[in-house]
Amino acid sequence: MKAQFEKKDIGKLLYKTMLDWYFKQTKEKVWLGTAFNTRAEQFYRKAGWTEIGLYSTKEIKFEMTYSDWMKV
């Protein structure tokens, strides 16, 4: 069942909707963490998130600011 929804950009639409909503509520930056060498890491880098450090030896910490989101 998963395959029928892949490559339809549903996740990208949900992602955009979420961050649009978030930054309408506040101008505070938002952070997230993801494992190294994953599709998620590649996605967030391509989407304009900035790597700002590590959560642990297994996760990269990313940040998105309001001004960076407005550039996307």
PDB file of N, CA and C in Angstrom:
ATOM      1  N   MET A   1       0.815  -1.191   0.000  1.00  0.00           N
ATOM      2  CA  MET A   1       0.000   0.000   0.000  1.00  0.00           C
ATOM      3  C   MET A   1       0.862   1.259   0.000  1.00  0.00           C
ATOM      4  N   LYS A   2       1.990   1.211   0.690  1.00  0.00           N
ATOM      5  CA  LYS A   2       2.880   2.370   0.767  1.00  0.00           C
ATOM      6  C   LYS A   2       3.262   2.858  -0.629  1.00  0.00           C
ATOM      7  N   ALA A   3       3.559   1.957  -1.522  1.00  0.00           N
ATOM      8  CA  ALA A   3       4.047   2.320  -2.854  1.00  0.00           C
ATOM      9  C   ALA A   3       3.055   3.178  -3.629  1.00  0.00           C
ATOM     10  N   GLN A   4       1.768   2.990  -3.421  1.00  0.00           N
ATOM     11  CA  GLN A   4       0.803   3.764  -4.194  1.00  0.00           C
ATOM     12  C   GLN A   4       0.817   5.247  -3.824  1.00  0.00           C
ATOM     13  N   PHE A   5       1.379   5.589  -2.659  1.00  0.00           N
ATOM     14  CA  PHE A   5       1.425   6.980  -2.237  1.00  0.00           C
ATOM     15  C   PHE A   5       2.807   7.613  -2.425  1.00  0.00           C
ATOM     16  N   GLU A   6       3.807   6.820  -2.769  1.00  0.00           N
ATOM     17  CA  GLU A   6       5.139   7.358  -2.982  1.00  0.00           C
ATOM     18  C   GLU A   6       5.192   8.174  -4.267  1.00  0.00           C
ATOM     19  N   LYS A   7       6.080   9.177  -4.260  1.00  0.00           N
ATOM     20  CA  LYS A   7       6.328  10.022  -5.439  1.00  0.00           C
ATOM     21  C   LYS A   7       5.106  10.856  -5.832  1.00  0.00           C
ATOM     22  N   LYS A   8       4.240  11.137  -4.884  1.00  0.00           N
ATOM     23  CA  LYS A   8       3.054  11.956  -5.155  1.00  0.00           C
ATOM     24  C   LYS A   8       3.171  13.332  -4.505  1.00  0.00           C
ATOM     25  N   ASP A   9       4.258  13.570  -3.808  1.00  0.00           N
ATOM     26  CA  ASP A   9       4.523  14.832  -3.104  1.00  0.00           C
ATOM     27  C   ASP A   9       3.542  15.120  -1.981  1.00  0.00           C
ATOM     28  N   ILE A  10       2.878  14.100  -1.465  1.00  0.00           N
ATOM     29  CA  ILE A  10       1.958  14.289  -0.345  1.00  0.00           C
ATOM     30  C   ILE A  10       2.726  14.744   0.894  1.00  0.00           C
ATOM     31  N   GLY A  11       3.859  14.108   1.148  1.00  0.00           N
ATOM     32  CA  GLY A  11       4.677  14.487   2.303  1.00  0.00           C
ATOM     33  C   GLY A  11       5.179  15.914   2.198  1.00  0.00           C
ATOM     34  N   LYS A  12       5.574  16.322   1.014  1.00  0.00           N
ATOM     35  CA  LYS A  12       6.053  17.696   0.823  1.00  0.00           C
ATOM     36  C   LYS A  12       4.939  18.705   1.057  1.00  0.00           C
ATOM     37  N   LEU A  13       3.725  18.379   0.629  1.00  0.00           N
ATOM     38  CA  LEU A  13       2.591  19.271   0.848  1.00  0.00           C
ATOM     39  C   LEU A  13       2.268  19.381   2.335  1.00  0.00           C
ATOM     40  N   LEU A  14       2.278  18.257   3.046  1.00  0.00           N
ATOM     41  CA  LEU A  14       2.049  18.283   4.487  1.00  0.00           C
ATOM     42  C   LEU A  14       3.133  19.079   5.203  1.00  0.00           C
ATOM     43  N   TYR A  15       4.373  18.878   4.800  1.00  0.00           N
ATOM     44  CA  TYR A  15       5.518  19.594   5.372  1.00  0.00           C
ATOM     45  C   TYR A  15       5.359  21.102   5.179  1.00  0.00           C
ATOM     46  N   LYS A  16       5.038  21.537   3.957  1.00  0.00           N
ATOM     47  CA  LYS A  16       4.866  22.959   3.672  1.00  0.00           C
ATOM     48  C   LYS A  16       3.700  23.540   4.472  1.00  0.00           C
ATOM     49  N   THR A  17       2.603  22.816   4.522  1.00  0.00           N
ATOM     50  CA  THR A  17       1.428  23.272   5.278  1.00  0.00           C
ATOM     51  C   THR A  17       1.776  23.449   6.749  1.00  0.00           C
ATOM     52  N   MET A  18       2.516  22.486   7.301  1.00  0.00           N
ATOM     53  CA  MET A  18       2.900  22.543   8.709  1.00  0.00           C
ATOM     54  C   MET A  18       3.757  23.772   9.006  1.00  0.00           C
ATOM     55  N   LEU A  19       4.795  23.999   8.191  1.00  0.00           N
ATOM     56  CA  LEU A  19       5.677  25.125   8.476  1.00  0.00           C
ATOM     57  C   LEU A  19       5.013  26.467   8.170  1.00  0.00           C
ATOM     58  N   ASP A  20       4.175  26.524   7.150  1.00  0.00           N
ATOM     59  CA  ASP A  20       3.407  27.753   6.911  1.00  0.00           C
ATOM     60  C   ASP A  20       2.552  28.084   8.132  1.00  0.00           C
ATOM     61  N   TRP A  21       1.848  27.084   8.653  1.00  0.00           N
ATOM     62  CA  TRP A  21       1.012  27.276   9.841  1.00  0.00           C
ATOM     63  C   TRP A  21       1.862  27.702  11.038  1.00  0.00           C
ATOM     64  N   TYR A  22       2.964  26.995  11.260  1.00  0.00           N
ATOM     65  CA  TYR A  22       3.823  27.295  12.407  1.00  0.00           C
ATOM     66  C   TYR A  22       4.294  28.745  12.380  1.00  0.00           C
ATOM     67  N   PHE A  23       4.808  29.191  11.246  1.00  0.00           N
ATOM     68  CA  PHE A  23       5.353  30.540  11.178  1.00  0.00           C
ATOM     69  C   PHE A  23       4.281  31.625  11.096  1.00  0.00           C
ATOM     70  N   LYS A  24       3.033  31.253  10.893  1.00  0.00           N
ATOM     71  CA  LYS A  24       1.940  32.226  11.044  1.00  0.00           C
ATOM     72  C   LYS A  24       1.619  32.431  12.523  1.00  0.00           C
ATOM     73  N   GLN A  25       1.944  31.434  13.352  1.00  0.00           N
ATOM     74  CA  GLN A  25       1.686  31.515  14.788  1.00  0.00           C
ATOM     75  C   GLN A  25       2.796  32.241  15.538  1.00  0.00           C
ATOM     76  N   THR A  26       4.017  32.078  15.060  1.00  0.00           N
ATOM     77  CA  THR A  26       5.185  32.608  15.769  1.00  0.00           C
ATOM     78  C   THR A  26       6.330  32.826  14.793  1.00  0.00           C
ATOM     79  N   LYS A  27       7.268  33.641  15.204  1.00  0.00           N
ATOM     80  CA  LYS A  27       8.482  33.851  14.403  1.00  0.00           C
ATOM     81  C   LYS A  27       9.677  33.131  15.040  1.00  0.00           C
ATOM     82  N   GLU A  28       9.406  32.320  16.055  1.00  0.00           N
ATOM     83  CA  GLU A  28      10.462  31.569  16.735  1.00  0.00           C
ATOM     84  C   GLU A  28      11.008  30.474  15.831  1.00  0.00           C
ATOM     85  N   LYS A  29      12.294  30.265  15.877  1.00  0.00           N
ATOM     86  CA  LYS A  29      12.899  29.190  15.087  1.00  0.00           C
ATOM     87  C   LYS A  29      12.419  27.840  15.586  1.00  0.00           C
ATOM     88  N   VAL A  30      12.530  26.863  14.727  1.00  0.00           N
ATOM     89  CA  VAL A  30      12.120  25.507  15.062  1.00  0.00           C
ATOM     90  C   VAL A  30      13.289  24.567  14.783  1.00  0.00           C
ATOM     91  N   TRP A  31      13.388  23.519  15.600  1.00  0.00           N
ATOM     92  CA  TRP A  31      14.476  22.555  15.460  1.00  0.00           C
ATOM     93  C   TRP A  31      13.920  21.168  15.230  1.00  0.00           C
ATOM     94  N   LEU A  32      14.754  20.330  14.657  1.00  0.00           N
ATOM     95  CA  LEU A  32      14.430  18.914  14.536  1.00  0.00           C
ATOM     96  C   LEU A  32      15.715  18.127  14.481  1.00  0.00           C
ATOM     97  N   GLY A  33      15.589  16.848  14.720  1.00  0.00           N
ATOM     98  CA  GLY A  33      16.740  15.963  14.636  1.00  0.00           C
ATOM     99  C   GLY A  33      16.428  14.775  13.751  1.00  0.00           C
ATOM    100  N   THR A  34      17.440  14.290  13.079  1.00  0.00           N
ATOM    101  CA  THR A  34      17.280  13.100  12.243  1.00  0.00           C
ATOM    102  C   THR A  34      18.596  12.334  12.206  1.00  0.00           C
ATOM    103  N   ALA A  35      18.499  11.078  11.888  1.00  0.00           N
ATOM    104  CA  ALA A  35      19.689  10.225  11.829  1.00  0.00           C
ATOM    105  C   ALA A  35      20.564  10.597  10.633  1.00  0.00           C
ATOM    106  N   PHE A  36      21.825  10.250  10.729  1.00  0.00           N
ATOM    107  CA  PHE A  36      22.787  10.479   9.651  1.00  0.00           C
ATOM    108  C   PHE A  36      22.489   9.590   8.451  1.00  0.00           C
ATOM    109  N   ASN A  37      22.837  10.089   7.281  1.00  0.00           N
ATOM    110  CA  ASN A  37      22.800   9.305   6.045  1.00  0.00           C
ATOM    111  C   ASN A  37      21.436   8.676   5.770  1.00  0.00           C
ATOM    112  N   THR A  38      20.392   9.470   5.909  1.00  0.00           N
ATOM    113  CA  THR A  38      19.036   9.005   5.647  1.00  0.00           C
ATOM    114  C   THR A  38      18.389   9.881   4.576  1.00  0.00           C
ATOM    115  N   ARG A  39      17.275   9.416   4.049  1.00  0.00           N
ATOM    116  CA  ARG A  39      16.514  10.236   3.110  1.00  0.00           C
ATOM    117  C   ARG A  39      16.040  11.505   3.795  1.00  0.00           C
ATOM    118  N   ALA A  40      15.709  11.398   5.086  1.00  0.00           N
ATOM    119  CA  ALA A  40      15.259  12.574   5.839  1.00  0.00           C
ATOM    120  C   ALA A  40      16.363  13.628   5.905  1.00  0.00           C
ATOM    121  N   GLU A  41      17.583  13.210   6.191  1.00  0.00           N
ATOM    122  CA  GLU A  41      18.699  14.163   6.245  1.00  0.00           C
ATOM    123  C   GLU A  41      18.838  14.880   4.905  1.00  0.00           C
ATOM    124  N   GLN A  42      18.801  14.140   3.825  1.00  0.00           N
ATOM    125  CA  GLN A  42      18.909  14.744   2.491  1.00  0.00           C
ATOM    126  C   GLN A  42      17.755  15.706   2.226  1.00  0.00           C
ATOM    127  N   PHE A  43      16.545  15.312   2.612  1.00  0.00           N
ATOM    128  CA  PHE A  43      15.370  16.155   2.405  1.00  0.00           C
ATOM    129  C   PHE A  43      15.513  17.483   3.135  1.00  0.00           C
ATOM    130  N   TYR A  44      15.869  17.443   4.426  1.00  0.00           N
ATOM    131  CA  TYR A  44      15.956  18.673   5.207  1.00  0.00           C
ATOM    132  C   TYR A  44      17.068  19.587   4.703  1.00  0.00           C
ATOM    133  N   ARG A  45      18.183  19.030   4.304  1.00  0.00           N
ATOM    134  CA  ARG A  45      19.255  19.857   3.742  1.00  0.00           C
ATOM    135  C   ARG A  45      18.773  20.554   2.460  1.00  0.00           C
ATOM    136  N   LYS A  46      18.154  19.793   1.590  1.00  0.00           N
ATOM    137  CA  LYS A  46      17.657  20.342   0.325  1.00  0.00           C
ATOM    138  C   LYS A  46      16.548  21.378   0.561  1.00  0.00           C
ATOM    139  N   ALA A  47      15.776  21.192   1.636  1.00  0.00           N
ATOM    140  CA  ALA A  47      14.663  22.080   1.948  1.00  0.00           C
ATOM    141  C   ALA A  47      15.092  23.368   2.645  1.00  0.00           C
ATOM    142  N   GLY A  48      16.398  23.524   2.898  1.00  0.00           N
ATOM    143  CA  GLY A  48      16.884  24.780   3.456  1.00  0.00           C
ATOM    144  C   GLY A  48      17.137  24.802   4.945  1.00  0.00           C
ATOM    145  N   TRP A  49      17.029  23.656   5.609  1.00  0.00           N
ATOM    146  CA  TRP A  49      17.330  23.610   7.034  1.00  0.00           C
ATOM    147  C   TRP A  49      18.834  23.750   7.236  1.00  0.00           C
ATOM    148  N   THR A  50      19.226  24.359   8.350  1.00  0.00           N
ATOM    149  CA  THR A  50      20.637  24.571   8.671  1.00  0.00           C
ATOM    150  C   THR A  50      21.068  23.601   9.757  1.00  0.00           C
ATOM    151  N   GLU A  51      22.142  22.885   9.505  1.00  0.00           N
ATOM    152  CA  GLU A  51      22.691  21.995  10.536  1.00  0.00           C
ATOM    153  C   GLU A  51      23.344  22.856  11.604  1.00  0.00           C
ATOM    154  N   ILE A  52      22.942  22.655  12.865  1.00  0.00           N
ATOM    155  CA  ILE A  52      23.488  23.487  13.943  1.00  0.00           C
ATOM    156  C   ILE A  52      24.191  22.674  15.025  1.00  0.00           C
ATOM    157  N   GLY A  53      24.294  21.383  14.835  1.00  0.00           N
ATOM    158  CA  GLY A  53      24.988  20.567  15.819  1.00  0.00           C
ATOM    159  C   GLY A  53      24.461  19.148  15.832  1.00  0.00           C
ATOM    160  N   LEU A  54      24.648  18.507  16.973  1.00  0.00           N
ATOM    161  CA  LEU A  54      24.241  17.118  17.134  1.00  0.00           C
ATOM    162  C   LEU A  54      23.365  16.985  18.370  1.00  0.00           C
ATOM    163  N   TYR A  55      22.390  16.080  18.327  1.00  0.00           N
ATOM    164  CA  TYR A  55      21.625  15.723  19.519  1.00  0.00           C
ATOM    165  C   TYR A  55      22.378  14.663  20.301  1.00  0.00           C
ATOM    166  N   SER A  56      23.022  13.792  19.600  1.00  0.00           N
ATOM    167  CA  SER A  56      23.813  12.726  20.202  1.00  0.00           C
ATOM    168  C   SER A  56      24.775  12.253  19.131  1.00  0.00           C
ATOM    169  N   THR A  57      25.375  11.137  19.334  1.00  0.00           N
ATOM    170  CA  THR A  57      26.269  10.620  18.302  1.00  0.00           C
ATOM    171  C   THR A  57      25.491  10.026  17.143  1.00  0.00           C
ATOM    172  N   LYS A  58      24.153   9.970  17.259  1.00  0.00           N
ATOM    173  CA  LYS A  58      23.336   9.341  16.231  1.00  0.00           C
ATOM    174  C   LYS A  58      22.385  10.285  15.505  1.00  0.00           C
ATOM    175  N   GLU A  59      22.297  11.546  15.926  1.00  0.00           N
ATOM    176  CA  GLU A  59      21.347  12.472  15.307  1.00  0.00           C
ATOM    177  C   GLU A  59      21.958  13.831  15.027  1.00  0.00           C
ATOM    178  N   ILE A  60      21.595  14.388  13.874  1.00  0.00           N
ATOM    179  CA  ILE A  60      21.975  15.740  13.487  1.00  0.00           C
ATOM    180  C   ILE A  60      20.857  16.677  13.926  1.00  0.00           C
ATOM    181  N   LYS A  61      21.205  17.828  14.458  1.00  0.00           N
ATOM    182  CA  LYS A  61      20.210  18.838  14.836  1.00  0.00           C
ATOM    183  C   LYS A  61      20.140  19.896  13.739  1.00  0.00           C
ATOM    184  N   PHE A  62      18.930  20.138  13.238  1.00  0.00           N
ATOM    185  CA  PHE A  62      18.693  21.138  12.209  1.00  0.00           C
ATOM    186  C   PHE A  62      17.810  22.249  12.760  1.00  0.00           C
ATOM    187  N   GLU A  63      17.919  23.422  12.136  1.00  0.00           N
ATOM    188  CA  GLU A  63      17.132  24.583  12.540  1.00  0.00           C
ATOM    189  C   GLU A  63      16.528  25.254  11.309  1.00  0.00           C
ATOM    190  N   MET A  64      15.309  25.758  11.468  1.00  0.00           N
ATOM    191  CA  MET A  64      14.679  26.580  10.435  1.00  0.00           C
ATOM    192  C   MET A  64      14.221  27.866  11.114  1.00  0.00           C
ATOM    193  N   THR A  65      14.645  28.996  10.563  1.00  0.00           N
ATOM    194  CA  THR A  65      14.205  30.276  11.083  1.00  0.00           C
ATOM    195  C   THR A  65      13.082  30.829  10.211  1.00  0.00           C
ATOM    196  N   TYR A  66      12.371  31.772  10.744  1.00  0.00           N
ATOM    197  CA  TYR A  66      11.300  32.418   9.992  1.00  0.00           C
ATOM    198  C   TYR A  66      11.850  33.032   8.714  1.00  0.00           C
ATOM    199  N   SER A  67      12.953  33.755   8.813  1.00  0.00           N
ATOM    200  CA  SER A  67      13.499  34.416   7.621  1.00  0.00           C
ATOM    201  C   SER A  67      13.975  33.393   6.577  1.00  0.00           C
ATOM    202  N   ASP A  68      14.545  32.282   7.019  1.00  0.00           N
ATOM    203  CA  ASP A  68      14.936  31.235   6.075  1.00  0.00           C
ATOM    204  C   ASP A  68      13.718  30.616   5.406  1.00  0.00           C
ATOM    205  N   TRP A  69      12.652  30.424   6.171  1.00  0.00           N
ATOM    206  CA  TRP A  69      11.438  29.842   5.586  1.00  0.00           C
ATOM    207  C   TRP A  69      10.823  30.781   4.544  1.00  0.00           C
ATOM    208  N   MET A  70      10.879  32.075   4.798  1.00  0.00           N
ATOM    209  CA  MET A  70      10.322  33.034   3.844  1.00  0.00           C
ATOM    210  C   MET A  70      11.100  33.046   2.530  1.00  0.00           C
ATOM    211  N   LYS A  71      12.353  32.616   2.561  1.00  0.00           N
ATOM    212  CA  LYS A  71      13.181  32.549   1.346  1.00  0.00           C
ATOM    213  C   LYS A  71      12.857  31.312   0.515  1.00  0.00           C
ATOM    214  N   VAL A  72      12.311  30.292   1.165  1.00  0.00           N
ATOM    215  CA  VAL A  72      12.035  29.024   0.475  1.00  0.00           C
ATOM    216  C   VAL A  72      10.911  29.165  -0.443  1.00  0.00           C
TER     217      VAL A  72
END
